[in-house]
């Protein structure tokens, strides 16, 4: 579906914090006609200088475009803004794309609010930071009506690849939580290694260089592991859990030797031990998933 499927390529952005401003900047770069609004009008000035139009009210911003991206602090701020709108209904083919952090229950309530006013509702999770959005290097994971996603997908591509996860409202919100389980763990694991580097007097540059040189191989390993977990096939392809655990015991010992906090390594080691205690020590690392899942 082409950009022309959205009338006059018009889009409004409500909320101009770091992420909202990045969204507006990316849309301007891609040639969209962007209207911006923020509770603190001064935040709109840099975007106006780059070609954005300024709405004096949230109502005016919503009226200005076929698609409205909502990216504010939280659900309370969202409903405070939307609760001030005076109009009871809007014309057809106008979509509210919710990109604010909120719970699945809050998103469902906002979907009902939108439906009552004739708005299509699409929920999105931004996988990435503002700089990624500006560079078209984020991922946008959406849930809600597939037709609404198809209509908005050319616009969402301004920020990076856009994917439709499910028609179920709340799915994208929950996916955000799923991704954080990986992203935060990966970031904190890097910080743990960096702290050990510092404690031993090693170069941080060497650590970073090694990690980056292995990045593509590690990415392929994630793909293989995901397939194994999905299939429930934990046959050994690299090493048994018992081998992985033996190696990681040395990292835990180094933390204790150097006085570096061992809370994260201890939690990781606990997962290894739980898998071994459950009888999975001779299976591949992915078998740890079996002791993480609830009993069925």
C-alpha atoms as a PDB file:
ATOM      1  CA  UNK A   1       0.000   0.000   0.000  1.00  0.00           C
ATOM      2  CA  UNK A   2       1.479   3.354  -1.032  1.00  0.00           C
ATOM      3  CA  UNK A   3       1.827   6.549   0.937  1.00  0.00           C
ATOM      4  CA  UNK A   4      -1.010   8.004  -1.155  1.00  0.00           C
ATOM      5  CA  UNK A   5      -3.443   5.695   0.663  1.00  0.00           C
ATOM      6  CA  UNK A   6      -3.199   8.178   3.548  1.00  0.00           C
ATOM      7  CA  UNK A   7      -4.838  11.425   2.486  1.00  0.00           C
ATOM      8  CA  UNK A   8      -2.243  14.069   1.640  1.00  0.00           C
ATOM      9  CA  UNK A   9       0.354  12.085   3.615  1.00  0.00           C
ATOM     10  CA  UNK A  10      -0.764  13.874   6.771  1.00  0.00           C
ATOM     11  CA  UNK A  11       0.159  12.658  10.249  1.00  0.00           C
ATOM     12  CA  UNK A  12      -0.034  14.237  13.683  1.00  0.00           C
ATOM     13  CA  UNK A  13       2.248  13.526  16.634  1.00  0.00           C
ATOM     14  CA  UNK A  14       0.900  14.141  20.129  1.00  0.00           C
ATOM     15  CA  UNK A  15       3.693  14.243  22.707  1.00  0.00           C
ATOM     16  CA  UNK A  16       7.142  15.689  22.013  1.00  0.00           C
ATOM     17  CA  UNK A  17       9.417  14.136  24.581  1.00  0.00           C
ATOM     18  CA  UNK A  18      12.605  12.487  23.348  1.00  0.00           C
ATOM     19  CA  UNK A  19      10.730   9.662  21.601  1.00  0.00           C
ATOM     20  CA  UNK A  20       7.838  11.752  20.272  1.00  0.00           C
ATOM     21  CA  UNK A  21      10.269  14.319  18.855  1.00  0.00           C
ATOM     22  CA  UNK A  22      12.266  11.515  17.221  1.00  0.00           C
ATOM     23  CA  UNK A  23       9.076  10.168  15.606  1.00  0.00           C
ATOM     24  CA  UNK A  24       8.184  13.592  14.230  1.00  0.00           C
ATOM     25  CA  UNK A  25      11.727  14.188  12.960  1.00  0.00           C
ATOM     26  CA  UNK A  26      11.788  10.834  11.161  1.00  0.00           C
ATOM     27  CA  UNK A  27       8.432  11.535   9.511  1.00  0.00           C
ATOM     28  CA  UNK A  28       9.615  14.952   8.330  1.00  0.00           C
ATOM     29  CA  UNK A  29      12.732  13.350   6.881  1.00  0.00           C
ATOM     30  CA  UNK A  30      10.548  10.913   4.919  1.00  0.00           C
ATOM     31  CA  UNK A  31       8.431  13.710   3.459  1.00  0.00           C
ATOM     32  CA  UNK A  32       5.266  13.418   5.521  1.00  0.00           C
ATOM     33  CA  UNK A  33       3.131  16.469   6.283  1.00  0.00           C
ATOM     34  CA  UNK A  34       3.548  16.519  10.073  1.00  0.00           C
ATOM     35  CA  UNK A  35       1.485  18.374  12.649  1.00  0.00           C
ATOM     36  CA  UNK A  36       2.820  18.385  16.211  1.00  0.00           C
ATOM     37  CA  UNK A  37       1.363  19.173  19.617  1.00  0.00           C
ATOM     38  CA  UNK A  38       2.732  19.073  23.126  1.00  0.00           C
ATOM     39  CA  UNK A  39       1.422  20.227  26.493  1.00  0.00           C
ATOM     40  CA  UNK A  40       4.538  22.415  26.730  1.00  0.00           C
ATOM     41  CA  UNK A  41       4.437  24.297  23.396  1.00  0.00           C
ATOM     42  CA  UNK A  42       8.140  25.195  23.475  1.00  0.00           C
ATOM     43  CA  UNK A  43       9.097  21.606  22.659  1.00  0.00           C
ATOM     44  CA  UNK A  44       7.521  22.022  19.228  1.00  0.00           C
ATOM     45  CA  UNK A  45       9.854  24.860  18.166  1.00  0.00           C
ATOM     46  CA  UNK A  46      12.796  22.724  16.859  1.00  0.00           C
ATOM     47  CA  UNK A  47      10.350  20.661  14.788  1.00  0.00           C
ATOM     48  CA  UNK A  48       8.562  23.716  13.454  1.00  0.00           C
ATOM     49  CA  UNK A  49      11.944  24.989  12.273  1.00  0.00           C
ATOM     50  CA  UNK A  50      12.324  21.684  10.371  1.00  0.00           C
ATOM     51  CA  UNK A  51       8.966  22.076   8.648  1.00  0.00           C
ATOM     52  CA  UNK A  52       6.327  20.715  11.016  1.00  0.00           C
ATOM     53  CA  UNK A  53       3.027  22.477  11.533  1.00  0.00           C
ATOM     54  CA  UNK A  54       1.989  23.339  15.072  1.00  0.00           C
ATOM     55  CA  UNK A  55      -1.435  22.616  16.526  1.00  0.00           C
ATOM     56  CA  UNK A  56      -2.600  24.860  19.346  1.00  0.00           C
ATOM     57  CA  UNK A  57      -4.657  22.072  20.943  1.00  0.00           C
ATOM     58  CA  UNK A  58      -4.704  18.278  20.959  1.00  0.00           C
ATOM     59  CA  UNK A  59      -8.139  18.481  19.306  1.00  0.00           C
ATOM     60  CA  UNK A  60      -6.673  20.506  16.446  1.00  0.00           C
ATOM     61  CA  UNK A  61      -3.843  17.978  16.016  1.00  0.00           C
ATOM     62  CA  UNK A  62      -6.290  15.081  15.884  1.00  0.00           C
ATOM     63  CA  UNK A  63      -8.443  16.880  13.317  1.00  0.00           C
ATOM     64  CA  UNK A  64      -5.444  17.716  11.127  1.00  0.00           C
ATOM     65  CA  UNK A  65      -4.504  14.192   9.995  1.00  0.00           C
ATOM     66  CA  UNK A  66      -5.745  10.754   9.063  1.00  0.00           C
ATOM     67  CA  UNK A  67      -3.232   9.161  11.444  1.00  0.00           C
ATOM     68  CA  UNK A  68      -2.401  10.402  14.939  1.00  0.00           C
ATOM     69  CA  UNK A  69       0.599   9.011  16.794  1.00  0.00           C
ATOM     70  CA  UNK A  70       0.238   9.260  20.550  1.00  0.00           C
ATOM     71  CA  UNK A  71       3.520   9.087  22.491  1.00  0.00           C
ATOM     72  CA  UNK A  72       3.344  10.575  25.975  1.00  0.00           C
ATOM     73  CA  UNK A  73       4.592   9.653  29.443  1.00  0.00           C
ATOM     74  CA  UNK A  74       1.969   7.127  30.520  1.00  0.00           C
ATOM     75  CA  UNK A  75      -1.710   6.178  30.476  1.00  0.00           C
ATOM     76  CA  UNK A  76      -2.706   8.814  33.048  1.00  0.00           C
ATOM     77  CA  UNK A  77      -1.279  11.565  30.853  1.00  0.00           C
ATOM     78  CA  UNK A  78      -2.936   9.980  27.818  1.00  0.00           C
ATOM     79  CA  UNK A  79      -6.396  10.046  29.358  1.00  0.00           C
ATOM     80  CA  UNK A  80      -5.855  13.543  30.761  1.00  0.00           C
ATOM     81  CA  UNK A  81      -5.151  14.764  27.225  1.00  0.00           C
ATOM     82  CA  UNK A  82      -7.916  12.790  25.514  1.00  0.00           C
ATOM     83  CA  UNK A  83     -10.386  13.588  28.274  1.00  0.00           C
ATOM     84  CA  UNK A  84     -10.153  17.257  27.323  1.00  0.00           C
ATOM     85  CA  UNK A  85     -11.272  16.619  23.743  1.00  0.00           C
ATOM     86  CA  UNK A  86     -14.688  18.124  23.149  1.00  0.00           C
ATOM     87  CA  UNK A  87     -15.720  16.348  19.974  1.00  0.00           C
ATOM     88  CA  UNK A  88     -17.792  13.188  20.474  1.00  0.00           C
ATOM     89  CA  UNK A  89     -17.029  11.585  17.113  1.00  0.00           C
ATOM     90  CA  UNK A  90     -14.664  11.707  14.147  1.00  0.00           C
ATOM     91  CA  UNK A  91     -14.924  10.868  10.489  1.00  0.00           C
ATOM     92  CA  UNK A  92     -14.097   7.479   8.936  1.00  0.00           C
ATOM     93  CA  UNK A  93     -10.554   6.279   8.218  1.00  0.00           C
ATOM     94  CA  UNK A  94      -8.913   8.172  11.041  1.00  0.00           C
ATOM     95  CA  UNK A  95      -6.515   6.033  13.077  1.00  0.00           C
ATOM     96  CA  UNK A  96      -5.105   6.561  16.551  1.00  0.00           C
ATOM     97  CA  UNK A  97      -1.748   4.778  16.884  1.00  0.00           C
ATOM     98  CA  UNK A  98      -0.924   4.354  20.567  1.00  0.00           C
ATOM     99  CA  UNK A  99       2.837   4.285  21.224  1.00  0.00           C
ATOM    100  CA  UNK A 100       2.730   5.163  24.935  1.00  0.00           C
ATOM    101  CA  UNK A 101       3.845   2.736  27.653  1.00  0.00           C
ATOM    102  CA  UNK A 102       0.763   1.288  29.348  1.00  0.00           C
ATOM    103  CA  UNK A 103      -0.720  -2.009  30.511  1.00  0.00           C
ATOM    104  CA  UNK A 104      -2.780  -4.305  28.263  1.00  0.00           C
ATOM    105  CA  UNK A 105      -5.869  -3.421  30.326  1.00  0.00           C
ATOM    106  CA  UNK A 106      -5.244   0.299  29.866  1.00  0.00           C
ATOM    107  CA  UNK A 107      -4.744  -0.210  26.138  1.00  0.00           C
ATOM    108  CA  UNK A 108      -8.035  -2.131  25.901  1.00  0.00           C
ATOM    109  CA  UNK A 109      -9.784   0.764  27.631  1.00  0.00           C
ATOM    110  CA  UNK A 110      -8.236   3.222  25.188  1.00  0.00           C
ATOM    111  CA  UNK A 111      -9.338   1.018  22.282  1.00  0.00           C
ATOM    112  CA  UNK A 112     -12.922   1.140  23.584  1.00  0.00           C
ATOM    113  CA  UNK A 113     -12.641   4.928  24.024  1.00  0.00           C
ATOM    114  CA  UNK A 114     -11.467   5.208  20.405  1.00  0.00           C
ATOM    115  CA  UNK A 115     -14.192   2.951  19.047  1.00  0.00           C
ATOM    116  CA  UNK A 116     -16.868   5.038  20.791  1.00  0.00           C
ATOM    117  CA  UNK A 117     -15.589   8.054  18.873  1.00  0.00           C
ATOM    118  CA  UNK A 118     -15.288   6.382  15.478  1.00  0.00           C
ATOM    119  CA  UNK A 119     -11.502   6.082  15.570  1.00  0.00           C
ATOM    120  CA  UNK A 120      -9.567   3.048  14.387  1.00  0.00           C
ATOM    121  CA  UNK A 121      -7.158   1.967  17.112  1.00  0.00           C
ATOM    122  CA  UNK A 122      -3.734   0.474  16.604  1.00  0.00           C
ATOM    123  CA  UNK A 123      -1.375  -0.360  19.434  1.00  0.00           C
ATOM    124  CA  UNK A 124       2.362  -0.227  18.877  1.00  0.00           C
ATOM    125  CA  UNK A 125       5.558  -1.102  20.695  1.00  0.00           C
ATOM    126  CA  UNK A 126       8.730   0.751  19.683  1.00  0.00           C
ATOM    127  CA  UNK A 127      11.684  -1.607  19.922  1.00  0.00           C
ATOM    128  CA  UNK A 128      14.567   0.831  20.027  1.00  0.00           C
ATOM    129  CA  UNK A 129      15.648   4.181  21.429  1.00  0.00           C
ATOM    130  CA  UNK A 130      14.983   7.662  19.969  1.00  0.00           C
ATOM    131  CA  UNK A 131      18.261   7.635  18.029  1.00  0.00           C
ATOM    132  CA  UNK A 132      17.220   4.352  16.348  1.00  0.00           C
ATOM    133  CA  UNK A 133      13.899   5.927  15.351  1.00  0.00           C
ATOM    134  CA  UNK A 134      15.665   8.908  13.773  1.00  0.00           C
ATOM    135  CA  UNK A 135      17.917   6.568  11.773  1.00  0.00           C
ATOM    136  CA  UNK A 136      15.062   4.297  10.627  1.00  0.00           C
ATOM    137  CA  UNK A 137      16.650   1.584  12.765  1.00  0.00           C
ATOM    138  CA  UNK A 138      13.870   0.782  15.239  1.00  0.00           C
ATOM    139  CA  UNK A 139      11.267  -1.984  14.985  1.00  0.00           C
ATOM    140  CA  UNK A 140       7.573  -1.223  15.379  1.00  0.00           C
ATOM    141  CA  UNK A 141       5.489  -4.164  16.596  1.00  0.00           C
ATOM    142  CA  UNK A 142       1.737  -3.587  16.295  1.00  0.00           C
ATOM    143  CA  UNK A 143      -1.479  -5.243  17.351  1.00  0.00           C
ATOM    144  CA  UNK A 144      -5.046  -4.371  16.453  1.00  0.00           C
ATOM    145  CA  UNK A 145      -7.055  -4.586  13.219  1.00  0.00           C
ATOM    146  CA  UNK A 146      -4.897  -5.834  10.345  1.00  0.00           C
ATOM    147  CA  UNK A 147      -6.627  -3.408   7.974  1.00  0.00           C
ATOM    148  CA  UNK A 148      -5.577  -0.479  10.150  1.00  0.00           C
ATOM    149  CA  UNK A 149      -2.004  -1.772  10.254  1.00  0.00           C
ATOM    150  CA  UNK A 150      -1.891  -2.211   6.467  1.00  0.00           C
ATOM    151  CA  UNK A 151      -3.088   1.335   6.038  1.00  0.00           C
ATOM    152  CA  UNK A 152      -0.498   2.748   8.456  1.00  0.00           C
ATOM    153  CA  UNK A 153       2.437   0.478   7.589  1.00  0.00           C
ATOM    154  CA  UNK A 154       3.998   2.817   4.977  1.00  0.00           C
ATOM    155  CA  UNK A 155       4.070   5.556   7.600  1.00  0.00           C
ATOM    156  CA  UNK A 156       5.425   3.301  10.350  1.00  0.00           C
ATOM    157  CA  UNK A 157       8.267   2.226   8.036  1.00  0.00           C
ATOM    158  CA  UNK A 158       9.657   5.742   8.521  1.00  0.00           C
ATOM    159  CA  UNK A 159      11.006   4.428  11.832  1.00  0.00           C
ATOM    160  CA  UNK A 160      12.177   0.983  10.681  1.00  0.00           C
ATOM    161  CA  UNK A 161      10.568  -2.394   9.894  1.00  0.00           C
ATOM    162  CA  UNK A 162       6.935  -2.588  11.053  1.00  0.00           C
ATOM    163  CA  UNK A 163       5.370  -5.928  11.971  1.00  0.00           C
ATOM    164  CA  UNK A 164       1.783  -6.941  12.737  1.00  0.00           C
ATOM    165  CA  UNK A 165       1.780  -9.321  15.705  1.00  0.00           C
ATOM    166  CA  UNK A 166      -1.903  -9.966  16.376  1.00  0.00           C
ATOM    167  CA  UNK A 167      -5.390  -8.485  16.120  1.00  0.00           C
ATOM    168  CA  UNK A 168      -5.683  -8.798  19.905  1.00  0.00           C
ATOM    169  CA  UNK A 169      -5.395  -5.487  21.739  1.00  0.00           C
ATOM    170  CA  UNK A 170      -2.719  -5.834  24.407  1.00  0.00           C
ATOM    171  CA  UNK A 171      -0.524  -8.175  22.392  1.00  0.00           C
ATOM    172  CA  UNK A 172       2.002  -5.492  21.403  1.00  0.00           C
ATOM    173  CA  UNK A 173       2.140  -4.232  24.995  1.00  0.00           C
ATOM    174  CA  UNK A 174       2.932  -7.725  26.223  1.00  0.00           C
ATOM    175  CA  UNK A 175       5.507  -8.222  23.464  1.00  0.00           C
ATOM    176  CA  UNK A 176       7.270  -5.123  24.781  1.00  0.00           C
ATOM    177  CA  UNK A 177       7.607  -6.896  28.124  1.00  0.00           C
ATOM    178  CA  UNK A 178       8.866 -10.043  26.389  1.00  0.00           C
ATOM    179  CA  UNK A 179      11.541  -8.113  24.510  1.00  0.00           C
ATOM    180  CA  UNK A 180      12.694  -6.344  27.659  1.00  0.00           C
ATOM    181  CA  UNK A 181      13.369  -9.757  29.210  1.00  0.00           C
ATOM    182  CA  UNK A 182      16.063 -10.132  26.551  1.00  0.00           C
ATOM    183  CA  UNK A 183      17.240  -6.546  26.107  1.00  0.00           C
ATOM    184  CA  UNK A 184      17.673  -5.660  29.763  1.00  0.00           C
ATOM    185  CA  UNK A 185      19.365  -8.976  30.480  1.00  0.00           C
ATOM    186  CA  UNK A 186      21.770  -8.466  27.584  1.00  0.00           C
ATOM    187  CA  UNK A 187      22.606  -4.892  28.610  1.00  0.00           C
ATOM    188  CA  UNK A 188      23.117  -5.778  32.266  1.00  0.00           C
ATOM    189  CA  UNK A 189      25.262  -8.770  31.281  1.00  0.00           C
ATOM    190  CA  UNK A 190      27.509  -6.427  29.296  1.00  0.00           C
ATOM    191  CA  UNK A 191      27.731  -4.098  32.294  1.00  0.00           C
ATOM    192  CA  UNK A 192      28.581  -7.090  34.528  1.00  0.00           C
ATOM    193  CA  UNK A 193      31.407  -8.075  32.182  1.00  0.00           C
ATOM    194  CA  UNK A 194      32.610  -4.459  32.020  1.00  0.00           C
ATOM    195  CA  UNK A 195      32.697  -4.286  35.812  1.00  0.00           C
ATOM    196  CA  UNK A 196      34.799  -7.467  35.914  1.00  0.00           C
ATOM    197  CA  UNK A 197      37.081  -5.972  33.257  1.00  0.00           C
ATOM    198  CA  UNK A 198      37.603  -2.907  35.400  1.00  0.00           C
ATOM    199  CA  UNK A 199      38.177  -4.981  38.525  1.00  0.00           C
ATOM    200  CA  UNK A 200      40.912  -6.990  36.764  1.00  0.00           C
ATOM    201  CA  UNK A 201      42.440  -3.986  35.016  1.00  0.00           C
ATOM    202  CA  UNK A 202      41.590  -5.212  31.511  1.00  0.00           C
ATOM    203  CA  UNK A 203      40.847  -2.869  28.615  1.00  0.00           C
ATOM    204  CA  UNK A 204      37.177  -2.093  28.090  1.00  0.00           C
ATOM    205  CA  UNK A 205      37.988  -1.589  24.405  1.00  0.00           C
ATOM    206  CA  UNK A 206      39.143  -5.207  24.088  1.00  0.00           C
ATOM    207  CA  UNK A 207      35.893  -6.456  25.623  1.00  0.00           C
ATOM    208  CA  UNK A 208      33.797  -4.325  23.275  1.00  0.00           C
ATOM    209  CA  UNK A 209      35.888  -5.319  20.261  1.00  0.00           C
ATOM    210  CA  UNK A 210      35.475  -9.032  20.992  1.00  0.00           C
ATOM    211  CA  UNK A 211      31.711  -8.705  21.521  1.00  0.00           C
ATOM    212  CA  UNK A 212      31.227  -6.752  18.297  1.00  0.00           C
ATOM    213  CA  UNK A 213      33.399  -9.147  16.285  1.00  0.00           C
ATOM    214  CA  UNK A 214      31.169 -12.027  17.386  1.00  0.00           C
ATOM    215  CA  UNK A 215      27.856 -10.190  16.985  1.00  0.00           C
ATOM    216  CA  UNK A 216      26.736 -11.805  13.708  1.00  0.00           C
ATOM    217  CA  UNK A 217      27.577 -15.296  14.974  1.00  0.00           C
ATOM    218  CA  UNK A 218      25.726 -14.665  18.213  1.00  0.00           C
ATOM    219  CA  UNK A 219      22.709 -13.424  16.247  1.00  0.00           C
ATOM    220  CA  UNK A 220      22.641 -16.654  14.268  1.00  0.00           C
ATOM    221  CA  UNK A 221      22.889 -18.574  17.518  1.00  0.00           C
ATOM    222  CA  UNK A 222      19.780 -16.793  18.817  1.00  0.00           C
ATOM    223  CA  UNK A 223      17.891 -17.888  15.706  1.00  0.00           C
ATOM    224  CA  UNK A 224      18.933 -21.514  16.201  1.00  0.00           C
ATOM    225  CA  UNK A 225      18.006 -21.420  19.884  1.00  0.00           C
ATOM    226  CA  UNK A 226      14.600 -19.932  19.124  1.00  0.00           C
ATOM    227  CA  UNK A 227      13.887 -22.740  16.680  1.00  0.00           C
ATOM    228  CA  UNK A 228      14.933 -25.362  19.218  1.00  0.00           C
ATOM    229  CA  UNK A 229      12.696 -23.922  21.927  1.00  0.00           C
ATOM    230  CA  UNK A 230       9.740 -23.611  19.546  1.00  0.00           C
ATOM    231  CA  UNK A 231      10.119 -27.248  18.472  1.00  0.00           C
ATOM    232  CA  UNK A 232      10.925 -28.555  21.946  1.00  0.00           C
ATOM    233  CA  UNK A 233      14.072 -30.126  20.471  1.00  0.00           C
ATOM    234  CA  UNK A 234      16.912 -29.782  22.967  1.00  0.00           C
ATOM    235  CA  UNK A 235      19.313 -32.254  21.397  1.00  0.00           C
ATOM    236  CA  UNK A 236      22.925 -31.174  21.837  1.00  0.00           C
ATOM    237  CA  UNK A 237      24.303 -29.038  19.014  1.00  0.00           C
ATOM    238  CA  UNK A 238      26.959 -27.010  20.877  1.00  0.00           C
ATOM    239  CA  UNK A 239      27.409 -28.304  24.435  1.00  0.00           C
ATOM    240  CA  UNK A 240      25.491 -29.905  27.279  1.00  0.00           C
ATOM    241  CA  UNK A 241      23.989 -27.723  30.013  1.00  0.00           C
ATOM    242  CA  UNK A 242      26.440 -29.299  32.460  1.00  0.00           C
ATOM    243  CA  UNK A 243      29.329 -27.964  30.342  1.00  0.00           C
ATOM    244  CA  UNK A 244      27.818 -24.491  30.085  1.00  0.00           C
ATOM    245  CA  UNK A 245      27.272 -24.469  33.867  1.00  0.00           C
ATOM    246  CA  UNK A 246      30.834 -25.570  34.561  1.00  0.00           C
ATOM    247  CA  UNK A 247      32.201 -22.686  32.531  1.00  0.00           C
ATOM    248  CA  UNK A 248      29.915 -20.156  34.162  1.00  0.00           C
ATOM    249  CA  UNK A 249      30.923 -21.298  37.632  1.00  0.00           C
ATOM    250  CA  UNK A 250      34.313 -19.750  36.872  1.00  0.00           C
ATOM    251  CA  UNK A 251      32.684 -16.368  36.112  1.00  0.00           C
ATOM    252  CA  UNK A 252      30.788 -16.528  39.393  1.00  0.00           C
ATOM    253  CA  UNK A 253      34.033 -17.391  41.204  1.00  0.00           C
ATOM    254  CA  UNK A 254      35.794 -14.420  39.599  1.00  0.00           C
ATOM    255  CA  UNK A 255      33.047 -12.077  40.802  1.00  0.00           C
ATOM    256  CA  UNK A 256      33.534 -13.325  44.353  1.00  0.00           C
ATOM    257  CA  UNK A 257      37.309 -13.173  44.072  1.00  0.00           C
ATOM    258  CA  UNK A 258      37.280  -9.554  42.900  1.00  0.00           C
ATOM    259  CA  UNK A 259      34.400  -8.387  45.076  1.00  0.00           C
ATOM    260  CA  UNK A 260      32.223  -7.520  42.059  1.00  0.00           C
ATOM    261  CA  UNK A 261      28.531  -7.931  42.898  1.00  0.00           C
ATOM    262  CA  UNK A 262      27.486 -11.465  41.972  1.00  0.00           C
ATOM    263  CA  UNK A 263      23.670 -11.050  42.091  1.00  0.00           C
ATOM    264  CA  UNK A 264      23.196 -11.420  38.328  1.00  0.00           C
ATOM    265  CA  UNK A 265      25.694 -14.288  37.828  1.00  0.00           C
ATOM    266  CA  UNK A 266      24.170 -16.067  40.842  1.00  0.00           C
ATOM    267  CA  UNK A 267      20.700 -15.843  39.279  1.00  0.00           C
ATOM    268  CA  UNK A 268      22.036 -17.217  35.990  1.00  0.00           C
ATOM    269  CA  UNK A 269      23.844 -20.015  37.788  1.00  0.00           C
ATOM    270  CA  UNK A 270      20.630 -20.827  39.643  1.00  0.00           C
ATOM    271  CA  UNK A 271      18.882 -21.442  36.323  1.00  0.00           C
ATOM    272  CA  UNK A 272      21.656 -23.795  35.246  1.00  0.00           C
ATOM    273  CA  UNK A 273      21.400 -25.670  38.527  1.00  0.00           C
ATOM    274  CA  UNK A 274      17.630 -25.962  38.367  1.00  0.00           C
ATOM    275  CA  UNK A 275      17.902 -27.518  34.894  1.00  0.00           C
ATOM    276  CA  UNK A 276      20.577 -29.953  36.055  1.00  0.00           C
ATOM    277  CA  UNK A 277      18.551 -30.884  39.146  1.00  0.00           C
ATOM    278  CA  UNK A 278      15.541 -31.544  36.891  1.00  0.00           C
ATOM    279  CA  UNK A 279      17.591 -34.047  34.900  1.00  0.00           C
ATOM    280  CA  UNK A 280      18.358 -31.926  31.842  1.00  0.00           C
ATOM    281  CA  UNK A 281      22.125 -31.620  32.332  1.00  0.00           C
ATOM    282  CA  UNK A 282      22.886 -33.701  29.231  1.00  0.00           C
ATOM    283  CA  UNK A 283      20.626 -31.627  26.962  1.00  0.00           C
ATOM    284  CA  UNK A 284      21.395 -28.427  25.049  1.00  0.00           C
ATOM    285  CA  UNK A 285      21.367 -25.024  26.785  1.00  0.00           C
ATOM    286  CA  UNK A 286      17.859 -24.343  25.448  1.00  0.00           C
ATOM    287  CA  UNK A 287      16.471 -27.007  27.820  1.00  0.00           C
ATOM    288  CA  UNK A 288      16.746 -24.396  30.583  1.00  0.00           C
ATOM    289  CA  UNK A 289      13.456 -23.077  29.148  1.00  0.00           C
ATOM    290  CA  UNK A 290      11.745 -26.180  30.497  1.00  0.00           C
ATOM    291  CA  UNK A 291      12.396 -25.147  34.106  1.00  0.00           C
ATOM    292  CA  UNK A 292      11.335 -21.540  33.441  1.00  0.00           C
ATOM    293  CA  UNK A 293       7.890 -22.407  32.088  1.00  0.00           C
ATOM    294  CA  UNK A 294       5.033 -23.048  34.516  1.00  0.00           C
ATOM    295  CA  UNK A 295       3.759 -26.601  34.977  1.00  0.00           C
ATOM    296  CA  UNK A 296       1.134 -27.415  32.381  1.00  0.00           C
END
